[in-house]
Amino acid sequence: MLRFVPFLFTLFLVGISNAQNSSYAKEMIDSLCAPRYHGRGYVFQGDLKAASFIEKQCKSKGLNSFGDSYTQSFKLGVNTFPGDMSVKFNRKLLQTGVDYQINPGSQNLNGSFKTYYLKPSMVKSQEKIFKTASKKKVQNRVIVIDETSENAVIEEFSKGINQNPLNAKGYVLLKDKKLTWWASRRTYNTTILDVSIEGLHKKIKTVDINIDQEWVSEYQSKNVVAFIPGQSDSMVIFSAHFDHLGRMGKETYIAGASDNASGSAMLLDLADYYSENPPKYNTVFIWFAGEEAGLVGSKYFVENPPFSLDNIKFLLNLDLMADAKKGITVVNGTIFNEAFDRLKAINEREGLLNQVKARGAAANSDHYPFYEKGVPSFFIYTEGDYKHYHDINDVPENIPLTNYDQVFELITSFVKEGL
């Protein structure tokens, strides 16, 4: 039996090493989702505080910077909700992010209002819309629109309510689908509430609203950039956005554990790996801000790069790393098909993930501004049973990190063998 001890001990060490990777990632995810970072958005400078945390990690790991700083600043305009956020239907207080969410382009609104239920016949033509808007009782009320009816007239009308076509105090949209929030870089001419019909058992007669809103015209955010020197002038870039949606009022924030604390944590994990395993290529790590506001940080970066984009051999953008139970999807996999074939071959040889699926070009994450500049790039995201996205349930305690180590191994093996 003694001759098997070294083998068993080696297996034990490998198991510990893998566990340390995922446990470290979990630790970083917990940190990035902490209340002190306010959902890494634009309220209370949550994203800037998170950037400082990442910057400290880079310094502690001994990573190099381009110039005197690890950061790259830029500005953007964004709509925010930093103060009060409360809604009552028939004097019953609703739970923010569960029963309702504010449309992120909304204006502030405070007061008590009666409701007016909209019928399709009232808005089936421009003439009908004008006639309905001229009614004083409409102008002084909150309009309730039932979007669960799948009525074509209502669907078409709802597309333009951000312009407040009825001159109403605000709008309540009843929905039977999951509430999904986002960031807005513009403001509307009204206030819009998306409301889950699931917990709504009575007709809404009165609405009490207390919503504070602030448009920030020149919010300053920043990317974080670091690198490890390689043996070649060519570069491999690992990127992930660290920002998220921030606070929906001062009491509620969207943590963004999967999106994208998970990808940001994997970059920190990769930095440790390449610090211990000197890379062939100059290996760059970029944590982008402003992704949720429309890829603002990555667009700024490619227009103001601290190095020549021509030196980039490949870019791997990582987002939604929470659950690879079913495998991964590779955006641009059908574009850079030879590189994708090598990635897939490594996975099949090592038996790492159930599926490595190719997808075409898509402007859905921070790889895209690089792709537009001709940089070979993949955007990799995981697929599994985890469904929380842009909602208050995307929190560290919910993400399983299924097959995290396997994704990590596949990515590092691809950089070593596939480029």
Protein backbone atom coordinates (compact mmCIF):
# COMPACT_ATOMS: atom_id res chain seq x y z
CA MET A 1 0.00 0.00 0.00
CA LEU A 2 2.90 2.41 0.71
CA ARG A 3 3.82 2.70 -2.99
CA PHE A 4 0.43 4.36 -3.65
CA VAL A 5 0.95 7.07 -1.04
CA PRO A 6 2.92 9.49 -3.27
CA PHE A 7 0.29 9.15 -5.98
CA LEU A 8 -2.55 9.76 -3.55
CA PHE A 9 -0.67 12.69 -2.03
CA THR A 10 -0.23 14.22 -5.48
CA LEU A 11 -3.94 13.90 -6.15
CA PHE A 12 -4.60 15.56 -2.81
CA LEU A 13 -2.36 18.51 -3.70
CA VAL A 14 -4.02 18.89 -7.10
CA GLY A 15 -7.40 18.90 -5.40
CA ILE A 16 -6.23 21.52 -2.94
CA SER A 17 -4.81 23.65 -5.77
CA ASN A 18 -8.08 23.57 -7.70
CA ALA A 19 -10.06 24.30 -4.56
CA GLN A 20 -7.83 27.28 -3.86
CA ASN A 21 -8.54 28.71 -7.31
CA SER A 22 -12.30 28.57 -6.92
CA SER A 23 -12.22 29.57 -3.27
CA TYR A 24 -10.08 32.59 -4.11
CA ALA A 25 -12.49 33.52 -6.90
CA LYS A 26 -15.37 33.21 -4.45
CA GLU A 27 -13.55 35.45 -2.00
CA MET A 28 -13.04 38.11 -4.69
CA ILE A 29 -16.68 37.85 -5.79
CA ASP A 30 -17.81 38.33 -2.20
CA SER A 31 -15.63 41.42 -1.94
CA LEU A 32 -16.79 42.99 -5.22
CA CYS A 33 -20.43 42.43 -4.28
CA ALA A 34 -20.09 43.94 -0.81
CA PRO A 35 -22.47 46.80 0.11
CA ARG A 36 -19.55 49.23 0.31
CA TYR A 37 -19.28 49.05 -3.50
CA HIS A 38 -22.99 49.80 -3.98
CA GLY A 39 -23.44 47.41 -6.90
CA ARG A 40 -20.38 48.90 -8.70
CA GLY A 41 -22.54 51.49 -10.41
CA TYR A 42 -22.79 55.26 -10.54
CA VAL A 43 -24.39 55.97 -7.15
CA PHE A 44 -22.02 56.83 -4.28
CA GLN A 45 -19.13 56.20 -6.74
CA GLY A 46 -19.53 52.46 -6.36
CA ASP A 47 -17.62 51.63 -9.53
CA LEU A 48 -14.70 53.89 -8.59
CA LYS A 49 -14.43 52.26 -5.18
CA ALA A 50 -14.44 48.82 -6.81
CA ALA A 51 -11.77 49.99 -9.26
CA SER A 52 -9.60 51.04 -6.32
CA PHE A 53 -10.04 47.58 -4.80
CA ILE A 54 -8.91 45.92 -8.04
CA GLU A 55 -6.01 48.34 -8.34
CA LYS A 56 -4.84 47.37 -4.84
CA GLN A 57 -4.99 43.71 -5.83
CA CYS A 58 -2.82 44.43 -8.88
CA LYS A 59 -0.25 46.22 -6.72
CA SER A 60 -0.19 43.43 -4.14
CA LYS A 61 0.45 40.86 -6.89
CA GLY A 62 3.34 42.92 -8.26
CA LEU A 63 1.73 43.41 -11.68
CA ASN A 64 3.17 46.03 -13.99
CA SER A 65 1.36 49.15 -15.13
CA PHE A 66 1.50 51.09 -18.37
CA GLY A 67 2.92 54.40 -17.19
CA ASP A 68 2.50 55.73 -13.67
CA SER A 69 -1.01 54.40 -13.04
CA TYR A 70 -3.04 51.22 -13.31
CA THR A 71 -6.12 53.21 -14.27
CA GLN A 72 -7.50 54.98 -17.32
CA SER A 73 -10.18 57.61 -16.69
CA PHE A 74 -13.09 58.58 -18.93
CA LYS A 75 -16.43 60.36 -18.59
CA LEU A 76 -20.01 59.48 -19.41
CA GLY A 77 -23.52 60.78 -18.84
CA VAL A 78 -25.81 58.51 -16.85
CA ASN A 79 -29.19 58.55 -15.10
CA THR A 80 -29.13 57.60 -11.41
CA PHE A 81 -31.46 57.00 -8.45
CA PRO A 82 -29.43 57.86 -5.35
CA GLY A 83 -32.17 58.77 -2.88
CA ASP A 84 -35.68 57.75 -1.88
CA MET A 85 -37.35 54.92 -3.79
CA SER A 86 -40.76 53.81 -2.57
CA VAL A 87 -43.99 52.80 -4.29
CA LYS A 88 -47.35 51.91 -2.78
CA PHE A 89 -50.36 50.42 -4.53
CA ASN A 90 -53.63 50.95 -2.67
CA ARG A 91 -51.46 52.09 0.28
CA LYS A 92 -49.54 48.81 0.37
CA LEU A 93 -45.76 49.20 0.16
CA LEU A 94 -44.10 47.28 -2.69
CA GLN A 95 -40.68 45.65 -2.49
CA THR A 96 -38.18 47.36 -4.77
CA GLY A 97 -36.61 45.00 -7.28
CA VAL A 98 -39.10 42.24 -6.47
CA ASP A 99 -42.58 43.67 -6.99
CA TYR A 100 -41.45 46.48 -9.26
CA GLN A 101 -38.49 48.27 -10.74
CA ILE A 102 -38.04 51.80 -11.99
CA ASN A 103 -37.39 52.20 -15.70
CA PRO A 104 -33.77 53.46 -15.64
CA GLY A 105 -34.54 56.40 -17.94
CA SER A 106 -37.27 57.73 -15.66
CA GLN A 107 -37.62 61.17 -14.12
CA ASN A 108 -38.21 61.77 -10.42
CA LEU A 109 -41.81 61.74 -9.19
CA ASN A 110 -43.36 62.36 -5.79
CA GLY A 111 -47.02 62.30 -4.82
CA SER A 112 -50.26 60.36 -4.55
CA PHE A 113 -52.18 59.66 -7.74
CA LYS A 114 -55.29 57.91 -8.94
CA THR A 115 -54.90 55.44 -11.78
CA TYR A 116 -56.37 55.24 -15.25
CA TYR A 117 -56.45 51.80 -16.91
CA LEU A 118 -55.69 52.09 -20.61
CA LYS A 119 -57.78 50.16 -23.12
CA PRO A 120 -56.49 49.31 -26.60
CA SER A 121 -59.35 51.27 -28.18
CA MET A 122 -58.00 54.46 -26.62
CA VAL A 123 -54.68 54.34 -28.48
CA LYS A 124 -55.37 52.42 -31.70
CA SER A 125 -54.57 55.47 -33.85
CA GLN A 126 -52.82 58.83 -33.56
CA GLU A 127 -56.23 60.48 -33.47
CA LYS A 128 -57.31 58.28 -30.55
CA ILE A 129 -54.04 58.95 -28.70
CA PHE A 130 -54.52 62.70 -29.09
CA LYS A 131 -58.12 62.48 -27.91
CA THR A 132 -57.18 60.39 -24.86
CA ALA A 133 -54.32 62.76 -24.00
CA SER A 134 -56.69 65.73 -24.01
CA LYS A 135 -58.69 64.34 -21.10
CA LYS A 136 -57.81 66.10 -17.85
CA LYS A 137 -58.37 62.99 -15.76
CA VAL A 138 -55.69 61.25 -17.78
CA GLN A 139 -53.21 64.09 -17.37
CA ASN A 140 -53.48 64.01 -13.59
CA ARG A 141 -53.22 60.26 -13.17
CA VAL A 142 -50.84 57.33 -13.46
CA ILE A 143 -51.68 55.24 -16.51
CA VAL A 144 -51.83 51.46 -15.99
CA ILE A 145 -51.01 49.38 -19.08
CA ASP A 146 -51.49 45.62 -19.05
CA GLU A 147 -48.69 44.20 -21.18
CA THR A 148 -49.59 40.61 -20.28
CA SER A 149 -52.51 40.64 -22.74
CA GLU A 150 -50.18 40.45 -25.75
CA ASN A 151 -52.33 42.98 -27.58
CA ALA A 152 -50.60 44.37 -30.70
CA VAL A 153 -52.05 47.87 -30.24
CA ILE A 154 -50.83 48.04 -26.64
CA GLU A 155 -47.43 46.66 -27.58
CA GLU A 156 -46.96 49.30 -30.26
CA PHE A 157 -48.14 52.11 -27.99
CA SER A 158 -45.85 51.01 -25.14
CA LYS A 159 -42.78 51.42 -27.35
CA GLY A 160 -43.24 55.18 -27.29
CA ILE A 161 -44.35 55.89 -23.73
CA ASN A 162 -40.92 57.25 -22.81
CA GLN A 163 -42.10 60.38 -24.66
CA ASN A 164 -45.20 60.55 -22.44
CA PRO A 165 -47.73 60.68 -25.31
CA LEU A 166 -50.69 61.02 -22.89
CA ASN A 167 -49.12 63.78 -20.76
CA ALA A 168 -49.79 61.62 -17.71
CA LYS A 169 -48.06 61.77 -14.33
CA GLY A 170 -46.47 58.40 -14.99
CA TYR A 171 -46.99 54.87 -16.25
CA VAL A 172 -47.30 51.43 -14.66
CA LEU A 173 -46.52 48.53 -16.99
CA LEU A 174 -47.91 45.19 -15.78
CA LYS A 175 -45.64 42.33 -16.79
CA ASP A 176 -45.72 38.56 -16.43
CA LYS A 177 -42.03 38.19 -17.29
CA LYS A 178 -38.92 38.41 -15.12
CA LEU A 179 -38.01 41.96 -14.15
CA THR A 180 -34.62 42.81 -15.66
CA TRP A 181 -32.92 46.11 -14.94
CA TRP A 182 -30.33 48.02 -16.96
CA ALA A 183 -28.46 51.35 -17.05
CA SER A 184 -29.61 54.36 -19.05
CA ARG A 185 -27.52 57.11 -20.59
CA ARG A 186 -30.55 59.29 -21.29
CA THR A 187 -33.64 60.49 -19.48
CA TYR A 188 -37.27 60.19 -20.54
CA ASN A 189 -40.10 62.69 -20.35
CA THR A 190 -41.93 60.70 -17.69
CA THR A 191 -41.68 58.09 -14.94
CA ILE A 192 -42.23 54.42 -15.79
CA LEU A 193 -42.62 51.48 -13.40
CA ASP A 194 -42.27 47.88 -14.52
CA VAL A 195 -44.51 45.86 -12.19
CA SER A 196 -44.70 42.10 -11.72
CA ILE A 197 -48.28 40.93 -12.01
CA GLU A 198 -47.47 37.83 -9.95
CA GLY A 199 -48.13 39.41 -6.57
CA LEU A 200 -50.84 41.75 -7.78
CA HIS A 201 -54.24 40.47 -6.64
CA LYS A 202 -56.36 43.59 -6.79
CA LYS A 203 -56.96 46.35 -9.28
CA ILE A 204 -54.67 49.31 -8.65
CA LYS A 205 -56.74 52.31 -7.65
CA THR A 206 -54.13 54.59 -6.09
CA VAL A 207 -50.37 54.92 -6.47
CA ASP A 208 -48.11 56.62 -3.94
CA ILE A 209 -44.70 57.33 -5.43
CA ASN A 210 -41.57 58.78 -3.87
CA ILE A 211 -38.69 58.50 -6.34
CA ASP A 212 -35.56 60.64 -6.40
CA GLN A 213 -33.58 60.79 -9.62
CA GLU A 214 -30.41 62.59 -10.69
CA TRP A 215 -28.92 62.96 -14.16
CA VAL A 216 -25.11 63.07 -13.99
CA SER A 217 -23.79 64.66 -17.18
CA GLU A 218 -20.06 64.03 -16.69
CA TYR A 219 -19.62 61.09 -14.40
CA GLN A 220 -15.94 60.09 -14.22
CA SER A 221 -15.25 56.38 -14.27
CA LYS A 222 -12.09 54.40 -14.94
CA ASN A 223 -10.71 51.17 -16.36
CA VAL A 224 -8.01 49.20 -14.55
CA VAL A 225 -5.09 47.88 -16.64
CA ALA A 226 -2.09 45.75 -15.65
CA PHE A 227 0.30 43.31 -17.29
CA ILE A 228 2.93 40.63 -16.81
CA PRO A 229 5.92 40.77 -19.21
CA GLY A 230 6.38 37.80 -21.51
CA GLN A 231 9.11 36.51 -23.78
CA SER A 232 7.53 38.01 -26.91
CA ASP A 233 6.38 41.45 -28.01
CA SER A 234 3.00 39.96 -28.91
CA MET A 235 0.22 40.40 -26.39
CA VAL A 236 -2.57 38.25 -25.04
CA ILE A 237 -5.32 40.21 -23.34
CA PHE A 238 -7.70 38.92 -20.70
CA SER A 239 -10.59 41.32 -20.14
CA ALA A 240 -13.73 41.53 -18.04
CA HIS A 241 -16.03 44.36 -17.02
CA PHE A 242 -16.23 44.99 -13.29
CA ASP A 243 -19.04 47.56 -13.28
CA HIS A 244 -22.69 46.72 -12.72
CA LEU A 245 -26.01 48.50 -12.27
CA GLY A 246 -25.55 50.09 -8.88
CA ARG A 247 -28.37 51.27 -6.64
CA MET A 248 -32.10 51.45 -7.36
CA GLY A 249 -32.64 53.96 -4.60
CA LYS A 250 -30.47 54.25 -1.51
CA GLU A 251 -31.79 51.02 0.07
CA THR A 252 -31.54 48.56 -2.86
CA TYR A 253 -28.53 47.61 -4.98
CA ILE A 254 -27.97 45.07 -7.75
CA ALA A 255 -24.86 43.12 -6.72
CA GLY A 256 -23.94 41.52 -10.06
CA ALA A 257 -22.22 38.41 -8.71
CA SER A 258 -22.34 36.53 -12.00
CA ASP A 259 -22.40 39.71 -14.09
CA ASN A 260 -19.58 40.32 -13.76
CA ALA A 261 -17.87 39.95 -10.43
CA SER A 262 -17.26 36.36 -11.54
CA GLY A 263 -15.32 37.34 -14.66
CA SER A 264 -13.42 40.04 -12.76
CA ALA A 265 -12.45 37.50 -10.12
CA MET A 266 -11.24 35.06 -12.75
CA LEU A 267 -8.94 37.77 -14.13
CA LEU A 268 -7.40 38.20 -10.68
CA ASP A 269 -7.02 34.42 -10.48
CA LEU A 270 -5.36 34.38 -13.92
CA ALA A 271 -2.97 37.09 -12.77
CA ASP A 272 -1.85 34.83 -9.93
CA TYR A 273 -1.46 31.91 -12.32
CA TYR A 274 0.73 33.80 -14.78
CA SER A 275 2.77 35.33 -11.96
CA GLU A 276 3.71 31.78 -10.98
CA ASN A 277 3.92 30.49 -14.57
CA PRO A 278 5.82 33.09 -16.64
CA PRO A 279 3.90 33.57 -19.90
CA LYS A 280 5.20 33.36 -23.45
CA TYR A 281 3.37 36.52 -24.46
CA ASN A 282 3.06 39.86 -22.74
CA THR A 283 -0.11 39.15 -20.77
CA VAL A 284 -2.45 42.08 -20.19
CA PHE A 285 -5.39 42.22 -17.80
CA ILE A 286 -8.09 44.85 -18.34
CA TRP A 287 -11.02 45.41 -16.02
CA PHE A 288 -13.46 47.62 -17.91
CA ALA A 289 -15.93 50.09 -16.42
CA GLY A 290 -18.98 51.42 -18.23
CA GLU A 291 -19.89 48.14 -19.93
CA GLU A 292 -23.43 48.20 -18.61
CA ALA A 293 -23.84 51.74 -19.97
CA GLY A 294 -23.00 50.64 -23.52
CA LEU A 295 -19.38 49.37 -23.63
CA VAL A 296 -18.20 52.89 -22.78
CA GLY A 297 -14.94 51.88 -21.11
CA SER A 298 -13.79 49.49 -23.82
CA LYS A 299 -14.75 51.93 -26.58
CA TYR A 300 -12.67 54.60 -24.88
CA PHE A 301 -9.77 52.18 -24.46
CA VAL A 302 -9.48 51.23 -28.14
CA GLU A 303 -9.51 54.91 -29.07
CA ASN A 304 -6.87 55.72 -26.43
CA PRO A 305 -4.76 52.56 -26.04
CA PRO A 306 -1.54 52.66 -23.98
CA PHE A 307 0.03 50.31 -26.55
CA SER A 308 -0.44 49.49 -30.22
CA LEU A 309 -3.49 47.34 -30.88
CA ASP A 310 -1.46 45.72 -33.67
CA ASN A 311 0.58 43.94 -31.00
CA ILE A 312 -2.45 42.01 -29.74
CA LYS A 313 -2.27 38.38 -30.77
CA PHE A 314 -5.60 37.48 -29.16
CA LEU A 315 -8.13 38.84 -26.68
CA LEU A 316 -10.24 36.70 -24.37
CA ASN A 317 -13.16 38.56 -22.78
CA LEU A 318 -14.75 36.80 -19.82
CA ASP A 319 -18.27 37.48 -18.56
CA LEU A 320 -20.90 35.48 -16.64
CA MET A 321 -18.53 32.84 -15.24
CA ALA A 322 -20.97 31.67 -12.55
CA ASP A 323 -22.16 28.31 -13.88
CA ALA A 324 -20.58 26.18 -16.64
CA LYS A 325 -22.68 23.10 -15.90
CA LYS A 326 -23.69 22.90 -19.58
CA GLY A 327 -20.45 24.36 -20.91
CA ILE A 328 -19.46 27.64 -22.54
CA THR A 329 -20.46 29.72 -25.54
CA VAL A 330 -17.80 31.50 -27.58
CA VAL A 331 -18.89 34.68 -29.34
CA ASN A 332 -16.82 35.13 -32.54
CA GLY A 333 -16.29 31.35 -32.57
CA THR A 334 -17.64 31.17 -36.11
CA ILE A 335 -15.53 34.18 -37.13
CA PHE A 336 -12.16 32.98 -35.90
CA ASN A 337 -13.03 29.38 -36.64
CA GLU A 338 -9.50 27.97 -36.70
CA ALA A 339 -8.80 29.28 -33.21
CA PHE A 340 -12.19 27.97 -32.08
CA ASP A 341 -11.43 24.53 -33.50
CA ARG A 342 -8.21 24.45 -31.46
CA LEU A 343 -10.09 25.51 -28.33
CA LYS A 344 -12.68 22.81 -28.87
CA ALA A 345 -10.03 20.18 -29.59
CA ILE A 346 -8.29 20.94 -26.27
CA ASN A 347 -11.58 20.60 -24.43
CA GLU A 348 -12.36 17.25 -26.05
CA ARG A 349 -8.86 15.93 -25.42
CA GLU A 350 -8.91 16.90 -21.74
CA GLY A 351 -12.59 16.12 -21.17
CA LEU A 352 -13.19 19.41 -19.38
CA LEU A 353 -16.64 20.75 -20.31
CA ASN A 354 -19.80 19.19 -21.70
CA GLN A 355 -20.04 21.68 -24.53
CA VAL A 356 -18.00 24.39 -26.23
CA LYS A 357 -20.41 26.15 -28.56
CA ALA A 358 -19.58 28.69 -31.27
CA ARG A 359 -21.58 31.83 -31.89
CA GLY A 360 -21.19 34.60 -34.47
CA ALA A 361 -20.26 38.24 -33.99
CA ALA A 362 -22.28 40.19 -31.42
CA ALA A 363 -21.87 43.62 -29.83
CA ASN A 364 -22.78 42.26 -26.40
CA SER A 365 -19.62 42.76 -24.36
CA ASP A 366 -16.23 44.47 -24.24
CA HIS A 367 -14.57 42.33 -26.90
CA TYR A 368 -16.59 44.09 -29.59
CA PRO A 369 -14.74 47.44 -29.84
CA PHE A 370 -11.52 45.43 -30.27
CA TYR A 371 -13.13 43.19 -32.88
CA GLU A 372 -14.22 46.29 -34.81
CA LYS A 373 -10.55 47.34 -34.87
CA GLY A 374 -9.54 43.99 -36.34
CA VAL A 375 -8.26 42.37 -33.13
CA PRO A 376 -8.79 38.56 -33.02
CA SER A 377 -11.06 38.03 -30.04
CA PHE A 378 -13.40 35.69 -28.24
CA PHE A 379 -16.10 36.57 -25.75
CA ILE A 380 -16.63 33.54 -23.51
CA TYR A 381 -19.58 33.09 -21.18
CA THR A 382 -20.79 30.05 -19.28
CA GLU A 383 -24.10 28.23 -19.58
CA GLY A 384 -25.83 26.27 -16.86
CA ASP A 385 -28.85 26.37 -14.60
CA TYR A 386 -28.10 29.79 -13.10
CA LYS A 387 -30.72 32.25 -14.34
CA HIS A 388 -30.27 35.37 -12.21
CA TYR A 389 -29.29 38.26 -14.47
CA HIS A 390 -29.65 42.01 -13.91
CA ASP A 391 -31.81 41.40 -10.85
CA ILE A 392 -31.49 41.58 -7.07
CA ASN A 393 -30.94 37.81 -6.78
CA ASP A 394 -27.60 37.81 -8.61
CA VAL A 395 -25.72 37.62 -5.31
CA PRO A 396 -22.63 35.63 -4.22
CA GLU A 397 -24.57 33.12 -2.12
CA ASN A 398 -26.55 32.05 -5.20
CA ILE A 399 -23.78 31.40 -7.71
CA PRO A 400 -22.46 27.81 -7.81
CA LEU A 401 -19.21 28.36 -9.79
CA THR A 402 -19.87 25.00 -11.42
CA ASN A 403 -16.88 23.83 -13.48
CA TYR A 404 -14.96 27.01 -12.68
CA ASP A 405 -11.65 25.10 -12.58
CA GLN A 406 -12.39 23.42 -15.90
CA VAL A 407 -13.07 26.75 -17.62
CA PHE A 408 -9.88 28.14 -16.10
CA GLU A 409 -7.84 25.18 -17.33
CA LEU A 410 -9.34 25.37 -20.82
CA ILE A 411 -8.55 29.06 -21.16
CA THR A 412 -4.94 28.74 -19.96
CA SER A 413 -4.37 25.65 -22.12
CA PHE A 414 -5.72 27.48 -25.15
CA VAL A 415 -3.31 30.38 -24.62
CA LYS A 416 -0.42 27.94 -24.19
CA GLU A 417 -1.24 25.59 -27.09
CA GLY A 418 -3.79 27.24 -29.35
CA LEU A 419 -2.19 30.57 -30.23
